[in-house]
Amino acid sequence: MNRNTMTAYIAAALLAFGTLAPHAMAQSAPVSKMTKAQAGYYHFKVGTVNVTALSDGTLAIPPGDLLTNAAPGQVASSLAATFQSTHVHASVNAYLIESGKRLVLVDTGSGELYGPTLNKLVDSLKAVGYQPGQITDILITHIHTDHTGGLMDGKRMVFPNATLHLDARELDYWMSAVKRAKAPDSKRKNFDEALMKVKPYVDAGKVKAFDGATQLAPGLRSVPSYGHTPGHSFYALESGGEKLVFWGDLLHVAEVQLPDPAVTIVFDVDPVAAAAERKRAFAEAAREKYWVAGDHIAFPGVGHLRADGNGYRWVPMPYMNDHVTPAAN
């Protein structure tokens, strides 16, 4: 794919959020260096529970055009300190939890909405031995369509046997014609895509809304984290004395927002509340030393947070490949 085509796809993706004018993409995004597909999965355990990180792909985005509440030059200097220039390759991650007889997916990636470098979730799922029809439950952190775009393929439900779980505030907001009418013209596409991707499951009776903190299964519960969107939710998984919290969109550009959690992003519905929630969640994760998983942290997106001056440092989960293959007879 040539540079102009890649830039056009990225511009379309960002414009889909209604956040950038075309001139914001004047600087061309990096051309992909990949000539072979990556393995889109990583297995690990939380206590006795099997969890698999699943990649939907990556998308080159320009943090300087997206991040807000940052000092002049702050974004550029933070990127330079991590050996990056104007763009970062944002991961779009989802997670599979094997909970007894239930196969639980946390978010569903972007589907076809944001260009050819994404929409890899189903292939990643199949690579670990599961078909979309085997998924029993989907935990939606929020309805932005880089998290729910994978629910539908045209008019076909990708996960026909799954029940969607999400906060009632999130469902009420994005399904509301009144809220859509009050939104700026540039934001109405968000509502339209939410209807396209989520409403078929609502109409089929496959959505189960909860109210705030809710126990969803043994060892699995929702944690309110409102701000990025009105019903944005974390999900906490606990087993065998270990804990993992799925963060959804708490963090978009780790290189900038870890050292300064006050930095927000144009996608936030309520930036003030989103920043406050990020500060609270960062402090708790560092203090309690549990695992966290982020949908836009470099794949597989799982690690710990450590306090570092006035900010935080990401400590990724160490790579393990110690499975013992049974000897052949």
C-alpha atoms as a PDB file:
ATOM      1  CA  MET A   1       0.000   0.000   0.000  1.00  0.00           C
ATOM      2  CA  ASN A   2       1.440   3.400  -0.922  1.00  0.00           C
ATOM      3  CA  ARG A   3       1.772   6.336   1.450  1.00  0.00           C
ATOM      4  CA  ASN A   4      -1.146   8.296  -0.016  1.00  0.00           C
ATOM      5  CA  THR A   5      -3.519   5.358   0.272  1.00  0.00           C
ATOM      6  CA  MET A   6      -2.475   4.681   3.868  1.00  0.00           C
ATOM      7  CA  THR A   7      -2.900   8.350   4.777  1.00  0.00           C
ATOM      8  CA  ALA A   8      -6.368   8.374   3.235  1.00  0.00           C
ATOM      9  CA  TYR A   9      -7.424   5.346   5.293  1.00  0.00           C
ATOM     10  CA  ILE A  10      -6.128   6.891   8.512  1.00  0.00           C
ATOM     11  CA  ALA A  11      -7.787  10.217   7.766  1.00  0.00           C
ATOM     12  CA  ALA A  12     -11.074   8.394   7.192  1.00  0.00           C
ATOM     13  CA  ALA A  13     -10.679   6.543  10.469  1.00  0.00           C
ATOM     14  CA  LEU A  14     -10.045   9.695  12.461  1.00  0.00           C
ATOM     15  CA  LEU A  15     -12.770  11.617  10.689  1.00  0.00           C
ATOM     16  CA  ALA A  16     -15.151   8.792  11.595  1.00  0.00           C
ATOM     17  CA  PHE A  17     -14.798   9.969  15.179  1.00  0.00           C
ATOM     18  CA  GLY A  18     -15.629  13.490  14.002  1.00  0.00           C
ATOM     19  CA  THR A  19     -12.451  14.861  15.566  1.00  0.00           C
ATOM     20  CA  LEU A  20     -10.131  15.944  12.783  1.00  0.00           C
ATOM     21  CA  ALA A  21     -10.451  18.164   9.787  1.00  0.00           C
ATOM     22  CA  PRO A  22      -8.712  16.872   6.651  1.00  0.00           C
ATOM     23  CA  HIS A  23      -5.869  19.383   7.023  1.00  0.00           C
ATOM     24  CA  ALA A  24      -4.882  17.691  10.289  1.00  0.00           C
ATOM     25  CA  MET A  25      -3.564  14.805   8.231  1.00  0.00           C
ATOM     26  CA  ALA A  26      -1.221  17.017   6.206  1.00  0.00           C
ATOM     27  CA  GLN A  27       1.762  15.120   7.588  1.00  0.00           C
ATOM     28  CA  SER A  28       1.748  11.685   6.000  1.00  0.00           C
ATOM     29  CA  ALA A  29       1.492   8.716   8.321  1.00  0.00           C
ATOM     30  CA  PRO A  30       4.311   6.171   8.304  1.00  0.00           C
ATOM     31  CA  VAL A  31       4.095   3.490   5.647  1.00  0.00           C
ATOM     32  CA  SER A  32       3.758  -0.015   7.069  1.00  0.00           C
ATOM     33  CA  LYS A  33       7.038  -1.882   7.416  1.00  0.00           C
ATOM     34  CA  MET A  34       5.316  -5.238   7.840  1.00  0.00           C
ATOM     35  CA  THR A  35       5.495  -7.682   4.948  1.00  0.00           C
ATOM     36  CA  LYS A  36       4.293 -10.663   6.991  1.00  0.00           C
ATOM     37  CA  ALA A  37       1.396 -11.052   9.411  1.00  0.00           C
ATOM     38  CA  GLN A  38       2.081 -11.134  13.141  1.00  0.00           C
ATOM     39  CA  ALA A  39       0.690 -13.754  15.480  1.00  0.00           C
ATOM     40  CA  GLY A  40      -2.364 -11.962  16.850  1.00  0.00           C
ATOM     41  CA  TYR A  41      -2.673 -13.640  20.232  1.00  0.00           C
ATOM     42  CA  TYR A  42      -0.904 -14.111  23.551  1.00  0.00           C
ATOM     43  CA  HIS A  43      -1.922 -16.585  26.261  1.00  0.00           C
ATOM     44  CA  PHE A  44      -1.542 -15.994  30.002  1.00  0.00           C
ATOM     45  CA  LYS A  45      -3.258 -16.885  33.268  1.00  0.00           C
ATOM     46  CA  VAL A  46      -4.872 -14.954  36.084  1.00  0.00           C
ATOM     47  CA  GLY A  47      -4.838 -17.404  38.963  1.00  0.00           C
ATOM     48  CA  THR A  48      -6.365 -20.514  37.417  1.00  0.00           C
ATOM     49  CA  VAL A  49      -8.257 -18.675  34.649  1.00  0.00           C
ATOM     50  CA  ASN A  50      -6.998 -18.792  31.067  1.00  0.00           C
ATOM     51  CA  VAL A  51      -6.946 -15.390  29.353  1.00  0.00           C
ATOM     52  CA  THR A  52      -5.847 -14.617  25.808  1.00  0.00           C
ATOM     53  CA  ALA A  53      -4.994 -11.193  24.425  1.00  0.00           C
ATOM     54  CA  LEU A  54      -6.303 -10.876  20.866  1.00  0.00           C
ATOM     55  CA  SER A  55      -5.048  -8.310  18.369  1.00  0.00           C
ATOM     56  CA  ASP A  56      -7.413  -6.504  16.025  1.00  0.00           C
ATOM     57  CA  GLY A  57      -4.360  -4.820  14.455  1.00  0.00           C
ATOM     58  CA  THR A  58      -2.685  -1.447  14.818  1.00  0.00           C
ATOM     59  CA  LEU A  59      -3.332   2.010  13.417  1.00  0.00           C
ATOM     60  CA  ALA A  60      -0.839   4.854  13.068  1.00  0.00           C
ATOM     61  CA  ILE A  61      -2.320   7.938  14.761  1.00  0.00           C
ATOM     62  CA  PRO A  62      -0.956  11.484  15.332  1.00  0.00           C
ATOM     63  CA  PRO A  63      -1.094  12.201  19.098  1.00  0.00           C
ATOM     64  CA  GLY A  64      -0.246  15.856  18.514  1.00  0.00           C
ATOM     65  CA  ASP A  65      -3.610  16.289  16.750  1.00  0.00           C
ATOM     66  CA  LEU A  66      -5.587  14.228  19.238  1.00  0.00           C
ATOM     67  CA  LEU A  67      -4.348  14.883  22.777  1.00  0.00           C
ATOM     68  CA  THR A  68      -5.680  17.856  24.739  1.00  0.00           C
ATOM     69  CA  ASN A  69      -4.848  19.606  28.013  1.00  0.00           C
ATOM     70  CA  ALA A  70      -1.139  19.281  27.218  1.00  0.00           C
ATOM     71  CA  ALA A  71       1.490  22.022  27.432  1.00  0.00           C
ATOM     72  CA  PRO A  72       3.053  23.310  24.196  1.00  0.00           C
ATOM     73  CA  GLY A  73       5.680  20.863  23.035  1.00  0.00           C
ATOM     74  CA  GLN A  74       4.762  18.292  25.690  1.00  0.00           C
ATOM     75  CA  VAL A  75       3.438  15.670  23.298  1.00  0.00           C
ATOM     76  CA  ALA A  76       6.381  16.000  20.899  1.00  0.00           C
ATOM     77  CA  SER A  77       8.939  15.769  23.697  1.00  0.00           C
ATOM     78  CA  SER A  78       7.244  12.714  25.236  1.00  0.00           C
ATOM     79  CA  LEU A  79       7.194  10.950  21.885  1.00  0.00           C
ATOM     80  CA  ALA A  80      10.823  11.840  21.221  1.00  0.00           C
ATOM     81  CA  ALA A  81      11.782  10.425  24.635  1.00  0.00           C
ATOM     82  CA  THR A  82      10.336   7.077  23.517  1.00  0.00           C
ATOM     83  CA  PHE A  83      12.071   7.169  20.109  1.00  0.00           C
ATOM     84  CA  GLN A  84       8.926   8.082  18.162  1.00  0.00           C
ATOM     85  CA  SER A  85       8.096  11.026  15.920  1.00  0.00           C
ATOM     86  CA  THR A  86       4.688  12.423  14.913  1.00  0.00           C
ATOM     87  CA  HIS A  87       2.766   9.127  14.884  1.00  0.00           C
ATOM     88  CA  VAL A  88       2.409   6.156  17.201  1.00  0.00           C
ATOM     89  CA  HIS A  89       1.172   2.718  16.220  1.00  0.00           C
ATOM     90  CA  ALA A  90      -1.887   2.353  18.428  1.00  0.00           C
ATOM     91  CA  SER A  91      -2.880  -1.208  19.236  1.00  0.00           C
ATOM     92  CA  VAL A  92      -6.516  -2.236  19.187  1.00  0.00           C
ATOM     93  CA  ASN A  93      -6.773  -5.120  21.647  1.00  0.00           C
ATOM     94  CA  ALA A  94      -9.517  -7.414  22.885  1.00  0.00           C
ATOM     95  CA  TYR A  95      -9.344 -10.193  25.467  1.00  0.00           C
ATOM     96  CA  LEU A  96     -10.792 -13.689  25.745  1.00  0.00           C
ATOM     97  CA  ILE A  97     -11.584 -15.151  29.181  1.00  0.00           C
ATOM     98  CA  GLU A  98     -12.262 -18.875  29.588  1.00  0.00           C
ATOM     99  CA  SER A  99     -14.660 -18.817  32.536  1.00  0.00           C
ATOM    100  CA  GLY A 100     -15.924 -22.318  33.227  1.00  0.00           C
ATOM    101  CA  LYS A 101     -18.191 -23.219  30.312  1.00  0.00           C
ATOM    102  CA  ARG A 102     -18.416 -19.600  29.239  1.00  0.00           C
ATOM    103  CA  LEU A 103     -16.197 -17.950  26.647  1.00  0.00           C
ATOM    104  CA  VAL A 104     -16.147 -14.258  27.491  1.00  0.00           C
ATOM    105  CA  LEU A 105     -14.817 -11.612  25.119  1.00  0.00           C
ATOM    106  CA  VAL A 106     -13.863  -8.141  26.376  1.00  0.00           C
ATOM    107  CA  ASP A 107     -14.599  -5.747  23.473  1.00  0.00           C
ATOM    108  CA  THR A 108     -14.693  -6.693  19.796  1.00  0.00           C
ATOM    109  CA  GLY A 109     -12.304  -4.451  17.880  1.00  0.00           C
ATOM    110  CA  SER A 110     -13.159  -2.167  14.999  1.00  0.00           C
ATOM    111  CA  GLY A 111     -14.568  -4.342  12.252  1.00  0.00           C
ATOM    112  CA  GLU A 112     -14.235  -2.805   8.803  1.00  0.00           C
ATOM    113  CA  LEU A 113     -14.603   0.801   9.943  1.00  0.00           C
ATOM    114  CA  TYR A 114     -10.997   1.987  10.197  1.00  0.00           C
ATOM    115  CA  GLY A 115      -9.122   0.578   7.267  1.00  0.00           C
ATOM    116  CA  PRO A 116      -7.104  -2.467   6.250  1.00  0.00           C
ATOM    117  CA  THR A 117      -4.574  -2.534   9.093  1.00  0.00           C
ATOM    118  CA  LEU A 118      -7.365  -3.488  11.529  1.00  0.00           C
ATOM    119  CA  ASN A 119     -10.305  -5.948  11.480  1.00  0.00           C
ATOM    120  CA  LYS A 120      -8.085  -8.882  12.492  1.00  0.00           C
ATOM    121  CA  LEU A 121      -9.961  -9.964  15.631  1.00  0.00           C
ATOM    122  CA  VAL A 122     -11.865 -12.899  14.143  1.00  0.00           C
ATOM    123  CA  ASP A 123      -8.688 -14.261  12.562  1.00  0.00           C
ATOM    124  CA  SER A 124      -6.898 -13.914  15.916  1.00  0.00           C
ATOM    125  CA  LEU A 125      -9.747 -15.733  17.655  1.00  0.00           C
ATOM    126  CA  LYS A 126      -9.724 -18.555  15.118  1.00  0.00           C
ATOM    127  CA  ALA A 127      -5.952 -18.862  15.464  1.00  0.00           C
ATOM    128  CA  VAL A 128      -6.393 -19.852  19.123  1.00  0.00           C
ATOM    129  CA  GLY A 129      -8.956 -22.506  18.208  1.00  0.00           C
ATOM    130  CA  TYR A 130     -12.305 -20.785  18.689  1.00  0.00           C
ATOM    131  CA  GLN A 131     -15.068 -19.732  16.312  1.00  0.00           C
ATOM    132  CA  PRO A 132     -17.103 -16.538  16.839  1.00  0.00           C
ATOM    133  CA  GLY A 133     -20.241 -18.639  17.341  1.00  0.00           C
ATOM    134  CA  GLN A 134     -18.698 -20.165  20.472  1.00  0.00           C
ATOM    135  CA  ILE A 135     -18.509 -16.838  22.323  1.00  0.00           C
ATOM    136  CA  THR A 136     -21.168 -16.819  25.055  1.00  0.00           C
ATOM    137  CA  ASP A 137     -20.681 -13.345  26.535  1.00  0.00           C
ATOM    138  CA  ILE A 138     -19.191 -10.020  25.435  1.00  0.00           C
ATOM    139  CA  LEU A 139     -18.229  -7.383  27.994  1.00  0.00           C
ATOM    140  CA  ILE A 140     -18.387  -3.965  26.339  1.00  0.00           C
ATOM    141  CA  THR A 141     -16.219  -1.339  28.009  1.00  0.00           C
ATOM    142  CA  HIS A 142     -17.992   1.343  25.945  1.00  0.00           C
ATOM    143  CA  ILE A 143     -19.715   1.727  22.584  1.00  0.00           C
ATOM    144  CA  HIS A 144     -17.071   3.662  20.623  1.00  0.00           C
ATOM    145  CA  THR A 145     -16.774   1.660  17.426  1.00  0.00           C
ATOM    146  CA  ASP A 146     -13.113   0.711  17.743  1.00  0.00           C
ATOM    147  CA  HIS A 147     -14.526  -1.457  20.577  1.00  0.00           C
ATOM    148  CA  THR A 148     -17.872  -2.519  19.077  1.00  0.00           C
ATOM    149  CA  GLY A 149     -17.241  -2.348  15.329  1.00  0.00           C
ATOM    150  CA  GLY A 150     -16.497  -6.063  15.250  1.00  0.00           C
ATOM    151  CA  LEU A 151     -19.983  -6.986  16.406  1.00  0.00           C
ATOM    152  CA  MET A 152     -21.466  -6.827  12.916  1.00  0.00           C
ATOM    153  CA  ASP A 153     -20.293  -7.755   9.432  1.00  0.00           C
ATOM    154  CA  GLY A 154     -22.774  -5.859   7.307  1.00  0.00           C
ATOM    155  CA  LYS A 155     -26.157  -7.169   8.474  1.00  0.00           C
ATOM    156  CA  ARG A 156     -24.681 -10.379   9.926  1.00  0.00           C
ATOM    157  CA  MET A 157     -24.074 -10.809  13.644  1.00  0.00           C
ATOM    158  CA  VAL A 158     -20.463 -11.917  14.026  1.00  0.00           C
ATOM    159  CA  PHE A 159     -21.194 -13.357  17.505  1.00  0.00           C
ATOM    160  CA  PRO A 160     -24.733 -14.739  17.102  1.00  0.00           C
ATOM    161  CA  ASN A 161     -24.790 -16.723  20.352  1.00  0.00           C
ATOM    162  CA  ALA A 162     -23.313 -14.066  22.639  1.00  0.00           C
ATOM    163  CA  THR A 163     -25.023 -11.891  25.217  1.00  0.00           C
ATOM    164  CA  LEU A 164     -23.666  -8.334  25.375  1.00  0.00           C
ATOM    165  CA  HIS A 165     -23.108  -6.826  28.829  1.00  0.00           C
ATOM    166  CA  LEU A 166     -22.673  -3.079  29.306  1.00  0.00           C
ATOM    167  CA  ASP A 167     -23.620  -0.259  31.633  1.00  0.00           C
ATOM    168  CA  ALA A 168     -27.174   1.024  31.134  1.00  0.00           C
ATOM    169  CA  ARG A 169     -25.837   4.605  30.988  1.00  0.00           C
ATOM    170  CA  GLU A 170     -23.755   3.718  27.958  1.00  0.00           C
ATOM    171  CA  LEU A 171     -26.635   2.051  26.172  1.00  0.00           C
ATOM    172  CA  ASP A 172     -29.063   4.878  26.960  1.00  0.00           C
ATOM    173  CA  TYR A 173     -26.648   7.518  25.680  1.00  0.00           C
ATOM    174  CA  TRP A 174     -25.692   6.011  22.326  1.00  0.00           C
ATOM    175  CA  MET A 175     -29.135   4.621  21.476  1.00  0.00           C
ATOM    176  CA  SER A 176     -30.831   7.974  22.178  1.00  0.00           C
ATOM    177  CA  ALA A 177     -32.248   9.962  19.260  1.00  0.00           C
ATOM    178  CA  VAL A 178     -32.483  12.956  21.603  1.00  0.00           C
ATOM    179  CA  LYS A 179     -28.773  12.795  22.476  1.00  0.00           C
ATOM    180  CA  ARG A 180     -27.911  12.418  18.798  1.00  0.00           C
ATOM    181  CA  ALA A 181     -29.988  15.461  17.876  1.00  0.00           C
ATOM    182  CA  LYS A 182     -28.197  17.546  20.518  1.00  0.00           C
ATOM    183  CA  ALA A 183     -24.742  16.420  19.411  1.00  0.00           C
ATOM    184  CA  PRO A 184     -22.634  18.544  17.019  1.00  0.00           C
ATOM    185  CA  ASP A 185     -22.927  17.497  13.387  1.00  0.00           C
ATOM    186  CA  SER A 186     -19.365  16.165  13.494  1.00  0.00           C
ATOM    187  CA  LYS A 187     -20.255  13.768  16.338  1.00  0.00           C
ATOM    188  CA  ARG A 188     -23.475  12.305  14.929  1.00  0.00           C
ATOM    189  CA  LYS A 189     -21.581   9.678  12.970  1.00  0.00           C
ATOM    190  CA  ASN A 190     -20.626   8.156  16.331  1.00  0.00           C
ATOM    191  CA  PHE A 191     -24.291   7.650  17.162  1.00  0.00           C
ATOM    192  CA  ASP A 192     -25.073   6.285  13.690  1.00  0.00           C
ATOM    193  CA  GLU A 193     -22.262   3.722  13.904  1.00  0.00           C
ATOM    194  CA  ALA A 194     -23.394   2.732  17.412  1.00  0.00           C
ATOM    195  CA  LEU A 195     -26.855   2.029  16.043  1.00  0.00           C
ATOM    196  CA  MET A 196     -25.391   0.067  13.142  1.00  0.00           C
ATOM    197  CA  LYS A 197     -23.169  -2.106  15.332  1.00  0.00           C
ATOM    198  CA  VAL A 198     -25.019  -2.506  18.652  1.00  0.00           C
ATOM    199  CA  LYS A 199     -28.728  -2.052  17.977  1.00  0.00           C
ATOM    200  CA  PRO A 200     -29.117  -5.361  16.082  1.00  0.00           C
ATOM    201  CA  TYR A 201     -28.134  -7.133  19.317  1.00  0.00           C
ATOM    202  CA  VAL A 202     -30.606  -4.974  21.260  1.00  0.00           C
ATOM    203  CA  ASP A 203     -33.378  -5.826  18.808  1.00  0.00           C
ATOM    204  CA  ALA A 204     -32.522  -9.536  19.061  1.00  0.00           C
ATOM    205  CA  GLY A 205     -32.790  -9.459  22.867  1.00  0.00           C
ATOM    206  CA  LYS A 206     -29.087 -10.185  23.253  1.00  0.00           C
ATOM    207  CA  VAL A 207     -28.125  -7.194  25.405  1.00  0.00           C
ATOM    208  CA  LYS A 208     -28.117  -7.285  29.191  1.00  0.00           C
ATOM    209  CA  ALA A 209     -27.509  -3.862  30.728  1.00  0.00           C
ATOM    210  CA  PHE A 210     -26.242  -3.481  34.290  1.00  0.00           C
ATOM    211  CA  ASP A 211     -26.253  -0.555  36.701  1.00  0.00           C
ATOM    212  CA  GLY A 212     -22.782   0.384  37.910  1.00  0.00           C
ATOM    213  CA  ALA A 213     -20.740  -2.093  39.922  1.00  0.00           C
ATOM    214  CA  THR A 214     -22.201  -5.537  39.185  1.00  0.00           C
ATOM    215  CA  GLN A 215     -21.105  -9.132  39.704  1.00  0.00           C
ATOM    216  CA  LEU A 216     -21.366 -10.723  36.267  1.00  0.00           C
ATOM    217  CA  ALA A 217     -19.907 -14.184  36.911  1.00  0.00           C
ATOM    218  CA  PRO A 218     -17.834 -15.842  39.635  1.00  0.00           C
ATOM    219  CA  GLY A 219     -14.680 -13.746  39.961  1.00  0.00           C
ATOM    220  CA  LEU A 220     -15.775 -11.278  37.273  1.00  0.00           C
ATOM    221  CA  ARG A 221     -17.384  -7.898  37.919  1.00  0.00           C
ATOM    222  CA  SER A 222     -17.885  -4.492  36.355  1.00  0.00           C
ATOM    223  CA  VAL A 223     -16.259  -1.366  37.794  1.00  0.00           C
ATOM    224  CA  PRO A 224     -17.723   2.052  36.894  1.00  0.00           C
ATOM    225  CA  SER A 225     -15.199   4.374  35.229  1.00  0.00           C
ATOM    226  CA  TYR A 226     -17.409   7.059  33.746  1.00  0.00           C
ATOM    227  CA  GLY A 227     -15.898   9.973  31.869  1.00  0.00           C
ATOM    228  CA  HIS A 228     -14.434   8.881  28.566  1.00  0.00           C
ATOM    229  CA  THR A 229     -18.033   7.988  27.762  1.00  0.00           C
ATOM    230  CA  PRO A 230     -21.111   8.197  30.041  1.00  0.00           C
ATOM    231  CA  GLY A 231     -21.104   4.486  30.865  1.00  0.00           C
ATOM    232  CA  HIS A 232     -17.452   3.546  30.355  1.00  0.00           C
ATOM    233  CA  SER A 233     -16.714   0.483  32.491  1.00  0.00           C
ATOM    234  CA  PHE A 234     -13.727  -1.516  33.635  1.00  0.00           C
ATOM    235  CA  TYR A 235     -14.008  -5.247  34.245  1.00  0.00           C
ATOM    236  CA  ALA A 236     -12.155  -6.905  37.133  1.00  0.00           C
ATOM    237  CA  LEU A 237     -11.172 -10.573  36.986  1.00  0.00           C
ATOM    238  CA  GLU A 238      -9.985 -12.250  40.208  1.00  0.00           C
ATOM    239  CA  SER A 239      -8.733 -15.803  40.700  1.00  0.00           C
ATOM    240  CA  GLY A 240      -6.279 -17.539  43.003  1.00  0.00           C
ATOM    241  CA  GLY A 241      -5.208 -14.341  44.745  1.00  0.00           C
ATOM    242  CA  GLU A 242      -4.469 -12.546  41.445  1.00  0.00           C
ATOM    243  CA  LYS A 243      -6.386  -9.671  39.894  1.00  0.00           C
ATOM    244  CA  LEU A 244      -6.556  -8.174  36.415  1.00  0.00           C
ATOM    245  CA  VAL A 245      -8.540  -5.049  35.534  1.00  0.00           C
ATOM    246  CA  PHE A 246      -9.503  -4.489  31.906  1.00  0.00           C
ATOM    247  CA  TRP A 247      -9.210  -0.743  31.374  1.00  0.00           C
ATOM    248  CA  GLY A 248     -10.859  -0.201  28.008  1.00  0.00           C
ATOM    249  CA  ASP A 249     -10.074   3.375  26.968  1.00  0.00           C
ATOM    250  CA  LEU A 250      -8.655   4.712  30.216  1.00  0.00           C
ATOM    251  CA  LEU A 251      -5.372   5.213  28.355  1.00  0.00           C
ATOM    252  CA  HIS A 252      -4.856   6.055  24.680  1.00  0.00           C
ATOM    253  CA  VAL A 253      -1.241   7.210  24.290  1.00  0.00           C
ATOM    254  CA  ALA A 254       0.814   5.651  27.070  1.00  0.00           C
ATOM    255  CA  GLU A 255       3.976   7.542  26.098  1.00  0.00           C
ATOM    256  CA  VAL A 256       2.277  10.831  27.037  1.00  0.00           C
ATOM    257  CA  GLN A 257      -0.502   9.991  29.508  1.00  0.00           C
ATOM    258  CA  LEU A 258       1.494   7.777  31.858  1.00  0.00           C
ATOM    259  CA  PRO A 259       3.918  10.557  32.832  1.00  0.00           C
ATOM    260  CA  ASP A 260       1.009  13.042  32.887  1.00  0.00           C
ATOM    261  CA  PRO A 261      -2.440  11.505  33.559  1.00  0.00           C
ATOM    262  CA  ALA A 262      -4.069  14.947  33.226  1.00  0.00           C
ATOM    263  CA  VAL A 263      -3.599  14.839  29.440  1.00  0.00           C
ATOM    264  CA  THR A 264      -6.923  14.088  27.747  1.00  0.00           C
ATOM    265  CA  ILE A 265      -8.014  13.186  24.206  1.00  0.00           C
ATOM    266  CA  VAL A 266     -10.563  14.538  21.768  1.00  0.00           C
ATOM    267  CA  PHE A 267     -12.565  11.296  21.985  1.00  0.00           C
ATOM    268  CA  ASP A 268     -13.492  11.976  25.661  1.00  0.00           C
ATOM    269  CA  VAL A 269     -17.172  12.824  26.111  1.00  0.00           C
ATOM    270  CA  ASP A 270     -16.330  14.390  29.492  1.00  0.00           C
ATOM    271  CA  PRO A 271     -12.584  15.197  29.553  1.00  0.00           C
ATOM    272  CA  VAL A 272     -12.565  16.441  33.151  1.00  0.00           C
ATOM    273  CA  ALA A 273     -14.180  13.275  34.476  1.00  0.00           C
ATOM    274  CA  ALA A 274     -11.979  11.113  32.232  1.00  0.00           C
ATOM    275  CA  ALA A 275      -8.793  12.705  33.612  1.00  0.00           C
ATOM    276  CA  ALA A 276     -10.004  12.353  37.201  1.00  0.00           C
ATOM    277  CA  GLU A 277     -10.813   8.678  36.636  1.00  0.00           C
ATOM    278  CA  ARG A 278      -7.412   8.071  35.040  1.00  0.00           C
ATOM    279  CA  LYS A 279      -5.603   9.610  38.019  1.00  0.00           C
ATOM    280  CA  ARG A 280      -7.658   7.508  40.441  1.00  0.00           C
ATOM    281  CA  ALA A 281      -7.184   4.270  38.491  1.00  0.00           C
ATOM    282  CA  PHE A 282      -3.458   4.790  37.973  1.00  0.00           C
ATOM    283  CA  ALA A 283      -2.910   5.431  41.678  1.00  0.00           C
ATOM    284  CA  GLU A 284      -4.945   2.384  42.699  1.00  0.00           C
ATOM    285  CA  ALA A 285      -3.214   0.053  40.230  1.00  0.00           C
ATOM    286  CA  ALA A 286       0.237   1.181  41.388  1.00  0.00           C
ATOM    287  CA  ARG A 287      -0.707   0.938  45.056  1.00  0.00           C
ATOM    288  CA  GLU A 288      -2.447  -2.457  44.897  1.00  0.00           C
ATOM    289  CA  LYS A 289      -0.016  -3.939  42.338  1.00  0.00           C
ATOM    290  CA  TYR A 290      -2.627  -5.799  40.305  1.00  0.00           C
ATOM    291  CA  TRP A 291      -2.423  -6.516  36.581  1.00  0.00           C
ATOM    292  CA  VAL A 292      -4.077  -4.154  34.130  1.00  0.00           C
ATOM    293  CA  ALA A 293      -4.974  -4.582  30.452  1.00  0.00           C
ATOM    294  CA  GLY A 294      -5.565  -1.699  28.064  1.00  0.00           C
ATOM    295  CA  ASP A 295      -7.239  -1.768  24.679  1.00  0.00           C
ATOM    296  CA  HIS A 296      -4.708   0.674  23.193  1.00  0.00           C
ATOM    297  CA  ILE A 297      -1.524  -0.233  25.069  1.00  0.00           C
ATOM    298  CA  ALA A 298       1.078  -1.916  22.847  1.00  0.00           C
ATOM    299  CA  PHE A 299      -0.036  -5.520  22.330  1.00  0.00           C
ATOM    300  CA  PRO A 300      -0.651  -7.633  24.328  1.00  0.00           C
ATOM    301  CA  GLY A 301      -1.434  -4.613  26.497  1.00  0.00           C
ATOM    302  CA  VAL A 302      -1.003  -6.325  29.885  1.00  0.00           C
ATOM    303  CA  GLY A 303       1.280  -5.192  32.700  1.00  0.00           C
ATOM    304  CA  HIS A 304       1.689  -3.326  35.962  1.00  0.00           C
ATOM    305  CA  LEU A 305       1.947   0.358  36.829  1.00  0.00           C
ATOM    306  CA  ARG A 306       4.731   1.757  38.984  1.00  0.00           C
ATOM    307  CA  ALA A 307       4.748   5.281  40.404  1.00  0.00           C
ATOM    308  CA  ASP A 308       7.510   7.364  38.818  1.00  0.00           C
ATOM    309  CA  GLY A 309       7.839  10.914  40.147  1.00  0.00           C
ATOM    310  CA  ASN A 310       4.577  12.747  39.469  1.00  0.00           C
ATOM    311  CA  GLY A 311       3.542  10.159  36.900  1.00  0.00           C
ATOM    312  CA  TYR A 312       3.749   6.439  36.258  1.00  0.00           C
ATOM    313  CA  ARG A 313       5.831   3.881  34.385  1.00  0.00           C
ATOM    314  CA  TRP A 314       4.505   0.885  32.470  1.00  0.00           C
ATOM    315  CA  VAL A 315       6.001  -2.500  33.385  1.00  0.00           C
ATOM    316  CA  PRO A 316       4.840  -5.008  30.745  1.00  0.00           C
ATOM    317  CA  MET A 317       3.998  -8.601  31.532  1.00  0.00           C
ATOM    318  CA  PRO A 318       7.134 -10.656  30.805  1.00  0.00           C
ATOM    319  CA  TYR A 319       6.926 -12.888  27.763  1.00  0.00           C
ATOM    320  CA  MET A 320       6.558 -16.564  28.613  1.00  0.00           C
ATOM    321  CA  ASN A 321       6.686 -19.582  26.300  1.00  0.00           C
ATOM    322  CA  ASP A 322       7.254 -22.409  28.772  1.00  0.00           C
ATOM    323  CA  HIS A 323       4.474 -24.791  27.762  1.00  0.00           C
ATOM    324  CA  VAL A 324       5.836 -28.334  27.681  1.00  0.00           C
ATOM    325  CA  THR A 325       4.838 -30.181  24.521  1.00  0.00           C
ATOM    326  CA  PRO A 326       3.925 -33.808  25.341  1.00  0.00           C
ATOM    327  CA  ALA A 327       6.427 -36.298  24.016  1.00  0.00           C
ATOM    328  CA  ALA A 328       5.316 -38.325  21.006  1.00  0.00           C
ATOM    329  CA  ASN A 329       4.606 -42.008  21.613  1.00  0.00           C
END
